[in-house]
Amino acid sequence: EVIVDELRDGTFDNPQAILGLEYEFYAVSEPRPDARKAGGAEDA
């Protein structure tokens, strides 16, 4: 109800066009760049 009252008073009007971004990642072990077997097979 506090938010609703503030909305009616125009508090949440903000004519600036604003962008935001949340960006998630996960972590893996860093493989050696040369860790491929002959013929292109992956080293498990």
All heavy atoms as atom14 arrays in JSON, in Angstrom:
{
  "sequence": "EVIVDELRDGTFDNPQAILGLEYEFYAVSEPRPDARKAGGAEDA",
  "atom14_mask": [
    [1, 1, 1, 1, 1, 1, 1, 1, 1, 0, 0, 0, 0, 0],
    [1, 1, 1, 1, 1, 1, 1, 0, 0, 0, 0, 0, 0, 0],
    [1, 1, 1, 1, 1, 1, 1, 1, 0, 0, 0, 0, 0, 0],
    [1, 1, 1, 1, 1, 1, 1, 0, 0, 0, 0, 0, 0, 0],
    [1, 1, 1, 1, 1, 1, 1, 1, 0, 0, 0, 0, 0, 0],
    [1, 1, 1, 1, 1, 1, 1, 1, 1, 0, 0, 0, 0, 0],
    [1, 1, 1, 1, 1, 1, 1, 1, 0, 0, 0, 0, 0, 0],
    [1, 1, 1, 1, 1, 1, 1, 1, 1, 1, 1, 0, 0, 0],
    [1, 1, 1, 1, 1, 1, 1, 1, 0, 0, 0, 0, 0, 0],
    [1, 1, 1, 1, 0, 0, 0, 0, 0, 0, 0, 0, 0, 0],
    [1, 1, 1, 1, 1, 1, 1, 0, 0, 0, 0, 0, 0, 0],
    [1, 1, 1, 1, 1, 1, 1, 1, 1, 1, 1, 0, 0, 0],
    [1, 1, 1, 1, 1, 1, 1, 1, 0, 0, 0, 0, 0, 0],
    [1, 1, 1, 1, 1, 1, 1, 1, 0, 0, 0, 0, 0, 0],
    [1, 1, 1, 1, 1, 1, 1, 0, 0, 0, 0, 0, 0, 0],
    [1, 1, 1, 1, 1, 1, 1, 1, 1, 0, 0, 0, 0, 0],
    [1, 1, 1, 1, 1, 0, 0, 0, 0, 0, 0, 0, 0, 0],
    [1, 1, 1, 1, 1, 1, 1, 1, 0, 0, 0, 0, 0, 0],
    [1, 1, 1, 1, 1, 1, 1, 1, 0, 0, 0, 0, 0, 0],
    [1, 1, 1, 1, 0, 0, 0, 0, 0, 0, 0, 0, 0, 0],
    [1, 1, 1, 1, 1, 1, 1, 1, 0, 0, 0, 0, 0, 0],
    [1, 1, 1, 1, 1, 1, 1, 1, 1, 0, 0, 0, 0, 0],
    [1, 1, 1, 1, 1, 1, 1, 1, 1, 1, 1, 1, 0, 0],
    [1, 1, 1, 1, 1, 1, 1, 1, 1, 0, 0, 0, 0, 0],
    [1, 1, 1, 1, 1, 1, 1, 1, 1, 1, 1, 0, 0, 0],
    [1, 1, 1, 1, 1, 1, 1, 1, 1, 1, 1, 1, 0, 0],
    [1, 1, 1, 1, 1, 0, 0, 0, 0, 0, 0, 0, 0, 0],
    [1, 1, 1, 1, 1, 1, 1, 0, 0, 0, 0, 0, 0, 0],
    [1, 1, 1, 1, 1, 1, 0, 0, 0, 0, 0, 0, 0, 0],
    [1, 1, 1, 1, 1, 1, 1, 1, 1, 0, 0, 0, 0, 0],
    [1, 1, 1, 1, 1, 1, 1, 0, 0, 0, 0, 0, 0, 0],
    [1, 1, 1, 1, 1, 1, 1, 1, 1, 1, 1, 0, 0, 0],
    [1, 1, 1, 1, 1, 1, 1, 0, 0, 0, 0, 0, 0, 0],
    [1, 1, 1, 1, 1, 1, 1, 1, 0, 0, 0, 0, 0, 0],
    [1, 1, 1, 1, 1, 0, 0, 0, 0, 0, 0, 0, 0, 0],
    [1, 1, 1, 1, 1, 1, 1, 1, 1, 1, 1, 0, 0, 0],
    [1, 1, 1, 1, 1, 1, 1, 1, 1, 0, 0, 0, 0, 0],
    [1, 1, 1, 1, 1, 0, 0, 0, 0, 0, 0, 0, 0, 0],
    [1, 1, 1, 1, 0, 0, 0, 0, 0, 0, 0, 0, 0, 0],
    [1, 1, 1, 1, 0, 0, 0, 0, 0, 0, 0, 0, 0, 0],
    [1, 1, 1, 1, 1, 0, 0, 0, 0, 0, 0, 0, 0, 0],
    [1, 1, 1, 1, 1, 1, 1, 1, 1, 0, 0, 0, 0, 0],
    [1, 1, 1, 1, 1, 1, 1, 1, 0, 0, 0, 0, 0, 0],
    [1, 1, 1, 1, 1, 0, 0, 0, 0, 0, 0, 0, 0, 0]
  ],
  "atom14_positions": [
    [[0.83, -1.21, 0.0], [0.0, 0.0, 0.0], [0.86, 1.26, 0.0], [0.47, 2.28, -0.56], [-0.94, -0.02, 1.2], [-2.0, -1.12, 1.13], [-2.76, -1.1, -0.2], [-3.23, -0.02, -0.62], [-2.88, -2.19, -0.82], [0.0, 0.0, 0.0], [0.0, 0.0, 0.0], [0.0, 0.0, 0.0], [0.0, 0.0, 0.0], [0.0, 0.0, 0.0]],
    [[2.03, 1.19, 0.62], [2.97, 2.32, 0.56], [3.38, 2.57, -0.89], [3.4, 3.72, -1.36], [4.22, 2.03, 1.43], [5.3, 3.09, 1.18], [3.85, 1.98, 2.9], [0.0, 0.0, 0.0], [0.0, 0.0, 0.0], [0.0, 0.0, 0.0], [0.0, 0.0, 0.0], [0.0, 0.0, 0.0], [0.0, 0.0, 0.0], [0.0, 0.0, 0.0]],
    [[3.68, 1.5, -1.63], [4.07, 1.63, -3.03], [2.92, 2.19, -3.85], [3.11, 3.09, -4.68], [4.54, 0.28, -3.59], [5.77, -0.21, -2.84], [4.83, 0.4, -5.09], [6.22, -1.61, -3.25], [0.0, 0.0, 0.0], [0.0, 0.0, 0.0], [0.0, 0.0, 0.0], [0.0, 0.0, 0.0], [0.0, 0.0, 0.0], [0.0, 0.0, 0.0]],
    [[1.72, 1.68, -3.62], [0.55, 2.16, -4.36], [0.35, 3.65, -4.12], [0.08, 4.43, -5.06], [-0.7, 1.35, -3.98], [-1.96, 2.02, -4.53], [-0.59, -0.08, -4.49], [0.0, 0.0, 0.0], [0.0, 0.0, 0.0], [0.0, 0.0, 0.0], [0.0, 0.0, 0.0], [0.0, 0.0, 0.0], [0.0, 0.0, 0.0], [0.0, 0.0, 0.0]],
    [[0.48, 4.1, -2.88], [0.34, 5.52, -2.57], [1.4, 6.35, -3.29], [1.11, 7.42, -3.83], [0.42, 5.76, -1.06], [-0.81, 5.25, -0.31], [-1.85, 5.03, -0.97], [-0.7, 5.05, 0.91], [0.0, 0.0, 0.0], [0.0, 0.0, 0.0], [0.0, 0.0, 0.0], [0.0, 0.0, 0.0], [0.0, 0.0, 0.0], [0.0, 0.0, 0.0]],
    [[2.62, 5.85, -3.29], [3.71, 6.57, -3.97], [3.49, 6.59, -5.48], [3.82, 7.57, -6.15], [5.05, 5.94, -3.63], [5.47, 6.04, -2.17], [5.89, 7.45, -1.77], [5.97, 8.33, -2.64], [6.15, 7.66, -0.56], [0.0, 0.0, 0.0], [0.0, 0.0, 0.0], [0.0, 0.0, 0.0], [0.0, 0.0, 0.0], [0.0, 0.0, 0.0]],
    [[2.95, 5.52, -6.01], [2.63, 5.49, -7.45], [1.61, 6.57, -7.78], [1.74, 7.29, -8.79], [2.09, 4.13, -7.84], [3.11, 2.99, -7.96], [2.41, 1.64, -8.0], [3.97, 3.16, -9.22], [0.0, 0.0, 0.0], [0.0, 0.0, 0.0], [0.0, 0.0, 0.0], [0.0, 0.0, 0.0], [0.0, 0.0, 0.0], [0.0, 0.0, 0.0]],
    [[0.6, 6.72, -6.95], [-0.43, 7.73, -7.19], [0.12, 9.14, -7.07], [-0.38, 10.07, -7.71], [-1.59, 7.5, -6.21], [-2.39, 6.23, -6.52], [-3.35, 5.87, -5.41], [-4.1, 4.65, -5.75], [-4.8, 3.95, -4.87], [-4.85, 4.32, -3.59], [-5.45, 2.86, -5.27], [0.0, 0.0, 0.0], [0.0, 0.0, 0.0], [0.0, 0.0, 0.0]],
    [[1.17, 9.29, -6.26], [1.81, 10.61, -6.12], [2.84, 10.89, -7.21], [3.45, 11.97, -7.21], [2.49, 10.71, -4.75], [1.49, 10.79, -3.6], [0.31, 11.1, -3.88], [1.89, 10.54, -2.46], [0.0, 0.0, 0.0], [0.0, 0.0, 0.0], [0.0, 0.0, 0.0], [0.0, 0.0, 0.0], [0.0, 0.0, 0.0], [0.0, 0.0, 0.0]],
    [[3.05, 9.91, -8.09], [4.0, 10.1, -9.19], [5.45, 9.86, -8.82], [6.35, 10.17, -9.62], [0.0, 0.0, 0.0], [0.0, 0.0, 0.0], [0.0, 0.0, 0.0], [0.0, 0.0, 0.0], [0.0, 0.0, 0.0], [0.0, 0.0, 0.0], [0.0, 0.0, 0.0], [0.0, 0.0, 0.0], [0.0, 0.0, 0.0], [0.0, 0.0, 0.0]],
    [[5.71, 9.28, -7.65], [7.09, 9.09, -7.2], [7.88, 8.18, -8.14], [9.08, 8.38, -8.35], [7.09, 8.5, -5.77], [6.34, 9.35, -4.91], [8.51, 8.36, -5.24], [0.0, 0.0, 0.0], [0.0, 0.0, 0.0], [0.0, 0.0, 0.0], [0.0, 0.0, 0.0], [0.0, 0.0, 0.0], [0.0, 0.0, 0.0], [0.0, 0.0, 0.0]],
    [[7.21, 7.16, -8.71], [7.92, 6.21, -9.55], [7.96, 6.62, -11.02], [8.46, 5.87, -11.86], [7.27, 4.82, -9.43], [7.54, 4.15, -8.11], [6.67, 4.31, -7.05], [8.68, 3.4, -7.92], [6.9, 3.7, -5.83], [8.93, 2.78, -6.71], [8.04, 2.94, -5.64], [0.0, 0.0, 0.0], [0.0, 0.0, 0.0], [0.0, 0.0, 0.0]],
    [[7.47, 7.82, -11.34], [7.63, 8.35, -12.69], [9.06, 8.86, -12.83], [9.52, 9.65, -12.0], [6.64, 9.49, -12.95], [5.2, 9.01, -12.91], [4.98, 7.79, -13.01], [4.31, 9.86, -12.78], [0.0, 0.0, 0.0], [0.0, 0.0, 0.0], [0.0, 0.0, 0.0], [0.0, 0.0, 0.0], [0.0, 0.0, 0.0], [0.0, 0.0, 0.0]],
    [[9.75, 8.4, -13.82], [11.14, 8.79, -13.99], [11.42, 8.84, -15.49], [11.71, 7.82, -16.12], [12.06, 7.76, -13.31], [13.45, 8.3, -13.08], [13.95, 9.07, -13.88], [14.07, 7.89, -11.98], [0.0, 0.0, 0.0], [0.0, 0.0, 0.0], [0.0, 0.0, 0.0], [0.0, 0.0, 0.0], [0.0, 0.0, 0.0], [0.0, 0.0, 0.0]],
    [[11.27, 10.03, -16.09], [11.28, 10.11, -17.55], [12.6, 9.75, -18.22], [12.66, 9.6, -19.43], [10.93, 11.58, -17.82], [11.29, 12.3, -16.56], [11.05, 11.34, -15.45], [0.0, 0.0, 0.0], [0.0, 0.0, 0.0], [0.0, 0.0, 0.0], [0.0, 0.0, 0.0], [0.0, 0.0, 0.0], [0.0, 0.0, 0.0], [0.0, 0.0, 0.0]],
    [[13.66, 9.57, -17.42], [14.89, 9.08, -18.04], [14.67, 7.66, -18.53], [14.08, 6.83, -17.83], [16.03, 9.06, -17.03], [16.43, 10.39, -16.45], [17.63, 10.21, -15.54], [18.75, 10.06, -16.0], [17.38, 10.21, -14.25], [0.0, 0.0, 0.0], [0.0, 0.0, 0.0], [0.0, 0.0, 0.0], [0.0, 0.0, 0.0], [0.0, 0.0, 0.0]],
    [[15.13, 7.38, -19.72], [15.11, 6.0, -20.21], [16.4, 5.34, -19.71], [17.5, 5.73, -20.1], [15.05, 5.97, -21.73], [0.0, 0.0, 0.0], [0.0, 0.0, 0.0], [0.0, 0.0, 0.0], [0.0, 0.0, 0.0], [0.0, 0.0, 0.0], [0.0, 0.0, 0.0], [0.0, 0.0, 0.0], [0.0, 0.0, 0.0], [0.0, 0.0, 0.0]],
    [[16.25, 4.36, -18.83], [17.39, 3.73, -18.18], [17.39, 2.24, -18.49], [16.34, 1.59, -18.47], [17.35, 3.94, -16.65], [17.35, 5.43, -16.3], [18.53, 3.23, -15.97], [18.64, 6.14, -16.6], [0.0, 0.0, 0.0], [0.0, 0.0, 0.0], [0.0, 0.0, 0.0], [0.0, 0.0, 0.0], [0.0, 0.0, 0.0], [0.0, 0.0, 0.0]],
    [[18.58, 1.71, -18.75], [18.75, 0.28, -19.0], [19.62, -0.34, -17.92], [20.5, 0.31, -17.35], [19.43, 0.04, -20.36], [18.73, 0.6, -21.6], [19.55, 0.25, -22.83], [17.33, 0.06, -21.7], [0.0, 0.0, 0.0], [0.0, 0.0, 0.0], [0.0, 0.0, 0.0], [0.0, 0.0, 0.0], [0.0, 0.0, 0.0], [0.0, 0.0, 0.0]],
    [[19.36, -1.61, -17.62], [20.19, -2.36, -16.71], [20.42, -3.76, -17.25], [19.75, -4.2, -18.18], [0.0, 0.0, 0.0], [0.0, 0.0, 0.0], [0.0, 0.0, 0.0], [0.0, 0.0, 0.0], [0.0, 0.0, 0.0], [0.0, 0.0, 0.0], [0.0, 0.0, 0.0], [0.0, 0.0, 0.0], [0.0, 0.0, 0.0], [0.0, 0.0, 0.0]],
    [[21.37, -4.48, -16.66], [21.69, -5.83, -17.12], [22.28, -6.64, -15.98], [23.18, -6.18, -15.28], [22.69, -5.78, -18.28], [23.12, -7.13, -18.87], [21.96, -7.84, -19.55], [24.28, -6.94, -19.86], [0.0, 0.0, 0.0], [0.0, 0.0, 0.0], [0.0, 0.0, 0.0], [0.0, 0.0, 0.0], [0.0, 0.0, 0.0], [0.0, 0.0, 0.0]],
    [[21.75, -7.83, -15.79], [22.35, -8.83, -14.91], [22.89, -9.95, -15.81], [22.23, -10.36, -16.75], [21.33, -9.38, -13.93], [20.73, -8.33, -13.0], [19.58, -8.89, -12.18], [19.81, -9.84, -11.42], [18.45, -8.37, -12.32], [0.0, 0.0, 0.0], [0.0, 0.0, 0.0], [0.0, 0.0, 0.0], [0.0, 0.0, 0.0], [0.0, 0.0, 0.0]],
    [[24.08, -10.44, -15.48], [24.79, -11.35, -16.37], [25.4, -12.46, -15.52], [26.26, -12.22, -14.68], [25.88, -10.56, -17.12], [26.46, -11.19, -18.37], [27.02, -10.38, -19.36], [26.49, -12.56, -18.57], [27.57, -10.91, -20.52], [27.03, -13.11, -19.72], [27.58, -12.28, -20.68], [28.13, -12.82, -21.83], [0.0, 0.0, 0.0], [0.0, 0.0, 0.0]],
    [[24.96, -13.7, -15.75], [25.42, -14.84, -14.96], [26.44, -15.67, -15.74], [26.37, -15.79, -16.97], [24.22, -15.72, -14.59], [23.19, -15.01, -13.72], [21.92, -15.82, -13.52], [21.79, -16.9, -14.15], [21.06, -15.37, -12.75], [0.0, 0.0, 0.0], [0.0, 0.0, 0.0], [0.0, 0.0, 0.0], [0.0, 0.0, 0.0], [0.0, 0.0, 0.0]],
    [[27.36, -16.26, -14.98], [28.41, -17.11, -15.55], [28.54, -18.37, -14.69], [28.05, -18.44, -13.58], [29.77, -16.39, -15.54], [29.79, -15.1, -16.31], [29.34, -13.92, -15.74], [30.28, -15.06, -17.61], [29.35, -12.72, -16.44], [30.3, -13.87, -18.32], [29.84, -12.7, -17.73], [0.0, 0.0, 0.0], [0.0, 0.0, 0.0], [0.0, 0.0, 0.0]],
    [[29.24, -19.37, -15.24], [29.68, -20.47, -14.4], [31.16, -20.69, -14.65], [31.73, -20.23, -15.66], [28.86, -21.74, -14.62], [28.94, -22.38, -15.99], [29.99, -23.23, -16.33], [27.92, -22.2, -16.93], [30.05, -23.86, -17.56], [27.97, -22.82, -18.16], [29.03, -23.65, -18.48], [29.08, -24.26, -19.71], [0.0, 0.0, 0.0], [0.0, 0.0, 0.0]],
    [[31.83, -21.37, -13.72], [33.28, -21.54, -13.79], [33.63, -22.97, -14.2], [32.98, -23.93, -13.79], [33.91, -21.23, -12.43], [0.0, 0.0, 0.0], [0.0, 0.0, 0.0], [0.0, 0.0, 0.0], [0.0, 0.0, 0.0], [0.0, 0.0, 0.0], [0.0, 0.0, 0.0], [0.0, 0.0, 0.0], [0.0, 0.0, 0.0], [0.0, 0.0, 0.0]],
    [[34.66, -23.07, -15.02], [35.21, -24.37, -15.41], [36.72, -24.34, -15.24], [37.33, -23.28, -15.1], [34.87, -24.71, -16.89], [33.37, -24.76, -17.11], [35.54, -23.73, -17.86], [0.0, 0.0, 0.0], [0.0, 0.0, 0.0], [0.0, 0.0, 0.0], [0.0, 0.0, 0.0], [0.0, 0.0, 0.0], [0.0, 0.0, 0.0], [0.0, 0.0, 0.0]],
    [[37.31, -25.52, -15.23], [38.76, -25.6, -15.23], [39.29, -25.02, -16.53], [38.65, -25.14, -17.58], [39.21, -27.05, -15.06], [38.68, -27.86, -16.11], [0.0, 0.0, 0.0], [0.0, 0.0, 0.0], [0.0, 0.0, 0.0], [0.0, 0.0, 0.0], [0.0, 0.0, 0.0], [0.0, 0.0, 0.0], [0.0, 0.0, 0.0], [0.0, 0.0, 0.0]],
    [[40.42, -24.39, -16.48], [41.02, -23.77, -17.67], [41.85, -24.82, -18.39], [42.94, -25.19, -17.93], [41.89, -22.59, -17.25], [42.6, -21.89, -18.4], [41.66, -21.15, -19.33], [41.14, -21.82, -20.26], [41.44, -19.96, -19.15], [0.0, 0.0, 0.0], [0.0, 0.0, 0.0], [0.0, 0.0, 0.0], [0.0, 0.0, 0.0], [0.0, 0.0, 0.0]],
    [[41.37, -25.37, -19.52], [42.14, -26.4, -20.23], [43.38, -25.79, -20.88], [43.42, -24.6, -21.2], [41.17, -26.91, -21.3], [39.83, -26.34, -20.94], [40.11, -25.08, -20.2], [0.0, 0.0, 0.0], [0.0, 0.0, 0.0], [0.0, 0.0, 0.0], [0.0, 0.0, 0.0], [0.0, 0.0, 0.0], [0.0, 0.0, 0.0], [0.0, 0.0, 0.0]],
    [[44.39, -26.63, -21.06], [45.56, -26.17, -21.8], [45.17, -25.96, -23.26], [44.45, -26.78, -23.85], [46.68, -27.22, -21.74], [47.19, -27.51, -20.36], [48.48, -28.35, -20.44], [48.36, -29.45, -21.37], [47.91, -30.66, -21.01], [47.52, -30.89, -19.78], [47.86, -31.64, -21.89], [0.0, 0.0, 0.0], [0.0, 0.0, 0.0], [0.0, 0.0, 0.0]],
    [[45.62, -24.85, -23.89], [45.24, -24.62, -25.28], [45.78, -25.67, -26.24], [45.25, -25.83, -27.33], [45.84, -23.23, -25.57], [46.89, -23.03, -24.54], [46.44, -23.77, -23.33], [0.0, 0.0, 0.0], [0.0, 0.0, 0.0], [0.0, 0.0, 0.0], [0.0, 0.0, 0.0], [0.0, 0.0, 0.0], [0.0, 0.0, 0.0], [0.0, 0.0, 0.0]],
    [[46.81, -26.42, -25.83], [47.38, -27.44, -26.71], [46.9, -28.84, -26.36], [47.45, -29.83, -26.84], [48.91, -27.4, -26.64], [49.43, -27.69, -25.24], [48.61, -27.6, -24.28], [50.63, -27.98, -25.09], [0.0, 0.0, 0.0], [0.0, 0.0, 0.0], [0.0, 0.0, 0.0], [0.0, 0.0, 0.0], [0.0, 0.0, 0.0], [0.0, 0.0, 0.0]],
    [[45.85, -28.93, -25.53], [45.45, -30.24, -25.01], [44.54, -30.98, -25.97], [43.43, -31.36, -25.64], [44.77, -30.07, -23.66], [0.0, 0.0, 0.0], [0.0, 0.0, 0.0], [0.0, 0.0, 0.0], [0.0, 0.0, 0.0], [0.0, 0.0, 0.0], [0.0, 0.0, 0.0], [0.0, 0.0, 0.0], [0.0, 0.0, 0.0], [0.0, 0.0, 0.0]],
    [[44.97, -31.17, -27.18], [44.23, -31.99, -28.14], [45.16, -33.07, -28.67], [46.33, -32.82, -28.95], [43.71, -31.13, -29.3], [42.58, -30.22, -28.89], [41.81, -29.8, -30.12], [40.74, -28.9, -29.78], [39.47, -29.26, -29.65], [39.14, -30.51, -29.83], [38.54, -28.39, -29.34], [0.0, 0.0, 0.0], [0.0, 0.0, 0.0], [0.0, 0.0, 0.0]],
    [[44.6, -34.23, -28.79], [45.39, -35.33, -29.33], [45.51, -35.2, -30.84], [44.76, -34.46, -31.47], [44.72, -36.66, -28.99], [44.67, -36.96, -27.49], [43.96, -38.28, -27.24], [43.91, -38.61, -25.75], [43.19, -39.86, -25.5], [0.0, 0.0, 0.0], [0.0, 0.0, 0.0], [0.0, 0.0, 0.0], [0.0, 0.0, 0.0], [0.0, 0.0, 0.0]],
    [[46.42, -35.93, -31.38], [46.57, -35.94, -32.83], [45.27, -36.37, -33.49], [44.58, -37.26, -33.0], [47.71, -36.91, -33.23], [0.0, 0.0, 0.0], [0.0, 0.0, 0.0], [0.0, 0.0, 0.0], [0.0, 0.0, 0.0], [0.0, 0.0, 0.0], [0.0, 0.0, 0.0], [0.0, 0.0, 0.0], [0.0, 0.0, 0.0], [0.0, 0.0, 0.0]],
    [[44.93, -35.71, -34.58], [43.7, -36.03, -35.28], [42.51, -35.26, -34.77], [41.41, -35.44, -35.25], [0.0, 0.0, 0.0], [0.0, 0.0, 0.0], [0.0, 0.0, 0.0], [0.0, 0.0, 0.0], [0.0, 0.0, 0.0], [0.0, 0.0, 0.0], [0.0, 0.0, 0.0], [0.0, 0.0, 0.0], [0.0, 0.0, 0.0], [0.0, 0.0, 0.0]],
    [[42.71, -34.39, -33.75], [41.63, -33.53, -33.28], [40.8, -34.11, -32.16], [39.85, -33.51, -31.71], [0.0, 0.0, 0.0], [0.0, 0.0, 0.0], [0.0, 0.0, 0.0], [0.0, 0.0, 0.0], [0.0, 0.0, 0.0], [0.0, 0.0, 0.0], [0.0, 0.0, 0.0], [0.0, 0.0, 0.0], [0.0, 0.0, 0.0], [0.0, 0.0, 0.0]],
    [[41.15, -35.31, -31.68], [40.37, -35.89, -30.59], [40.61, -35.12, -29.3], [41.69, -34.59, -29.07], [40.75, -37.37, -30.4], [0.0, 0.0, 0.0], [0.0, 0.0, 0.0], [0.0, 0.0, 0.0], [0.0, 0.0, 0.0], [0.0, 0.0, 0.0], [0.0, 0.0, 0.0], [0.0, 0.0, 0.0], [0.0, 0.0, 0.0], [0.0, 0.0, 0.0]],
    [[39.59, -35.05, -28.43], [39.72, -34.33, -27.19], [40.37, -35.21, -26.13], [40.12, -36.41, -26.04], [38.34, -33.87, -26.69], [37.74, -32.72, -27.48], [36.97, -33.19, -28.7], [36.84, -34.41, -28.89], [36.52, -32.32, -29.47], [0.0, 0.0, 0.0], [0.0, 0.0, 0.0], [0.0, 0.0, 0.0], [0.0, 0.0, 0.0], [0.0, 0.0, 0.0]],
    [[41.19, -34.61, -25.3], [41.8, -35.29, -24.16], [40.8, -35.23, -23.01], [40.55, -34.16, -22.45], [43.1, -34.59, -23.78], [43.82, -35.3, -22.63], [43.2, -36.17, -22.0], [44.99, -34.96, -22.38], [0.0, 0.0, 0.0], [0.0, 0.0, 0.0], [0.0, 0.0, 0.0], [0.0, 0.0, 0.0], [0.0, 0.0, 0.0], [0.0, 0.0, 0.0]],
    [[40.2, -36.36, -22.67], [39.16, -36.38, -21.65], [39.67, -35.85, -20.32], [38.91, -35.3, -19.53], [38.62, -37.81, -21.49], [0.0, 0.0, 0.0], [0.0, 0.0, 0.0], [0.0, 0.0, 0.0], [0.0, 0.0, 0.0], [0.0, 0.0, 0.0], [0.0, 0.0, 0.0], [0.0, 0.0, 0.0], [0.0, 0.0, 0.0], [0.0, 0.0, 0.0]]
  ]
}
